[in-house]
Amino acid sequence: MATYRNPVISVATEVAGRFTGVLIAMYTTGHGARSASPAHFDWFEYEGVE
């Protein structure tokens, strides 16, 4: 398997060769512009559906 700088890419189905599960993550964007403000998350809550 190839080595990648981004650890998330290494769990992609195309790289791992099989389904590796689900990934849930926080994401922010500057809409194409560089932002001087960092993103801080104080809380994240996930409630699964059965």
N, C-alpha and C. Protein backbone atom coordinates (compact mmCIF):
# COMPACT_ATOMS: atom_id res chain seq x y z
N MET A 1 0.84 -1.18 0.00
CA MET A 1 0.00 0.00 0.00
C MET A 1 0.89 1.24 0.00
N ALA A 2 0.47 2.25 -0.73
CA ALA A 2 1.21 3.51 -0.80
C ALA A 2 1.09 4.27 0.52
N THR A 3 2.07 5.11 0.81
CA THR A 3 2.05 5.95 2.01
C THR A 3 1.58 7.34 1.62
N TYR A 4 0.63 7.88 2.37
CA TYR A 4 0.07 9.20 2.10
C TYR A 4 0.30 10.11 3.29
N ARG A 5 0.44 11.43 3.03
CA ARG A 5 0.62 12.41 4.10
C ARG A 5 -0.68 12.59 4.89
N ASN A 6 -1.82 12.54 4.21
CA ASN A 6 -3.11 12.73 4.84
C ASN A 6 -3.59 11.38 5.38
N PRO A 7 -3.69 11.21 6.71
CA PRO A 7 -4.06 9.90 7.25
C PRO A 7 -5.46 9.46 6.87
N VAL A 8 -6.35 10.39 6.53
CA VAL A 8 -7.71 10.03 6.16
C VAL A 8 -7.73 9.32 4.81
N ILE A 9 -6.87 9.72 3.89
CA ILE A 9 -6.83 9.10 2.57
C ILE A 9 -6.50 7.62 2.67
N SER A 10 -5.68 7.22 3.62
CA SER A 10 -5.26 5.82 3.72
C SER A 10 -6.41 4.89 4.11
N VAL A 11 -7.54 5.41 4.60
CA VAL A 11 -8.68 4.55 4.91
C VAL A 11 -9.74 4.59 3.82
N ALA A 12 -9.47 5.29 2.73
CA ALA A 12 -10.42 5.35 1.61
C ALA A 12 -10.56 3.96 0.99
N THR A 13 -11.76 3.63 0.55
CA THR A 13 -12.01 2.33 -0.07
C THR A 13 -11.07 2.07 -1.24
N GLU A 14 -10.81 3.11 -2.05
CA GLU A 14 -9.95 2.94 -3.21
C GLU A 14 -8.52 2.58 -2.83
N VAL A 15 -8.07 3.01 -1.67
CA VAL A 15 -6.70 2.74 -1.23
C VAL A 15 -6.63 1.45 -0.43
N ALA A 16 -7.55 1.28 0.50
CA ALA A 16 -7.53 0.10 1.37
C ALA A 16 -8.00 -1.16 0.64
N GLY A 17 -8.78 -0.99 -0.43
CA GLY A 17 -9.23 -2.15 -1.19
C GLY A 17 -10.51 -2.76 -0.68
N ARG A 18 -11.09 -2.20 0.35
CA ARG A 18 -12.35 -2.70 0.90
C ARG A 18 -13.02 -1.59 1.70
N PHE A 19 -14.27 -1.79 2.05
CA PHE A 19 -14.98 -0.80 2.86
C PHE A 19 -14.37 -0.76 4.25
N THR A 20 -14.05 0.43 4.75
CA THR A 20 -13.35 0.55 6.04
C THR A 20 -14.22 1.15 7.13
N GLY A 21 -15.46 1.50 6.84
CA GLY A 21 -16.34 2.07 7.84
C GLY A 21 -16.70 3.51 7.52
N VAL A 22 -17.28 4.16 8.49
CA VAL A 22 -17.77 5.52 8.32
C VAL A 22 -16.89 6.47 9.12
N LEU A 23 -16.63 7.64 8.56
CA LEU A 23 -15.84 8.67 9.22
C LEU A 23 -16.70 9.91 9.40
N ILE A 24 -16.78 10.40 10.61
CA ILE A 24 -17.49 11.64 10.90
C ILE A 24 -16.47 12.63 11.42
N ALA A 25 -16.46 13.84 10.86
CA ALA A 25 -15.45 14.82 11.24
C ALA A 25 -16.02 16.23 11.20
N MET A 26 -15.38 17.13 11.90
CA MET A 26 -15.71 18.54 11.87
C MET A 26 -14.96 19.16 10.69
N TYR A 27 -15.58 20.14 10.03
CA TYR A 27 -14.98 20.74 8.84
C TYR A 27 -15.31 22.23 8.82
N THR A 28 -14.33 23.04 8.48
CA THR A 28 -14.56 24.48 8.32
C THR A 28 -13.98 24.93 6.99
N THR A 29 -14.43 26.08 6.52
CA THR A 29 -13.93 26.59 5.25
C THR A 29 -13.91 28.12 5.26
N GLY A 30 -13.03 28.68 4.50
CA GLY A 30 -12.97 30.13 4.30
C GLY A 30 -13.57 30.50 2.96
N HIS A 31 -14.31 29.56 2.35
CA HIS A 31 -14.94 29.77 1.04
C HIS A 31 -13.93 30.23 -0.01
N GLY A 32 -12.78 29.60 -0.02
CA GLY A 32 -11.75 29.89 -1.02
C GLY A 32 -10.77 30.97 -0.62
N ALA A 33 -11.03 31.67 0.47
CA ALA A 33 -10.13 32.74 0.93
C ALA A 33 -9.38 32.28 2.18
N ARG A 34 -8.15 32.74 2.32
CA ARG A 34 -7.37 32.44 3.52
C ARG A 34 -8.00 33.19 4.69
N SER A 35 -8.13 32.51 5.81
CA SER A 35 -8.75 33.11 6.99
C SER A 35 -7.73 33.24 8.11
N ALA A 36 -7.76 34.36 8.79
CA ALA A 36 -6.86 34.57 9.93
C ALA A 36 -7.47 34.04 11.22
N SER A 37 -8.74 33.69 11.18
CA SER A 37 -9.44 33.19 12.36
C SER A 37 -9.40 31.67 12.41
N PRO A 38 -8.86 31.11 13.50
CA PRO A 38 -8.86 29.66 13.63
C PRO A 38 -10.25 29.16 14.00
N ALA A 39 -10.53 27.92 13.73
CA ALA A 39 -11.80 27.31 14.12
C ALA A 39 -11.57 26.51 15.39
N HIS A 40 -12.35 26.81 16.41
CA HIS A 40 -12.29 26.08 17.68
C HIS A 40 -13.64 25.44 17.94
N PHE A 41 -13.63 24.17 18.27
CA PHE A 41 -14.87 23.47 18.58
C PHE A 41 -14.84 23.08 20.05
N ASP A 42 -15.83 23.52 20.79
CA ASP A 42 -15.92 23.18 22.20
C ASP A 42 -16.78 21.95 22.44
N TRP A 43 -17.62 21.61 21.47
CA TRP A 43 -18.52 20.50 21.69
C TRP A 43 -18.95 19.89 20.37
N PHE A 44 -19.03 18.59 20.34
CA PHE A 44 -19.57 17.87 19.20
C PHE A 44 -20.38 16.72 19.76
N GLU A 45 -21.58 16.58 19.28
CA GLU A 45 -22.43 15.49 19.77
C GLU A 45 -23.07 14.78 18.58
N TYR A 46 -22.99 13.49 18.58
CA TYR A 46 -23.58 12.68 17.52
C TYR A 46 -24.57 11.71 18.14
N GLU A 47 -25.74 11.66 17.57
CA GLU A 47 -26.76 10.72 18.06
C GLU A 47 -27.13 9.81 16.91
N GLY A 48 -26.74 8.57 17.01
CA GLY A 48 -27.00 7.62 15.94
C GLY A 48 -28.46 7.24 15.82
N VAL A 49 -28.84 6.80 14.65
CA VAL A 49 -30.19 6.34 14.38
C VAL A 49 -30.13 4.84 14.17
N GLU A 50 -30.96 4.13 14.88
CA GLU A 50 -30.95 2.66 14.75
C GLU A 50 -32.06 2.19 13.86
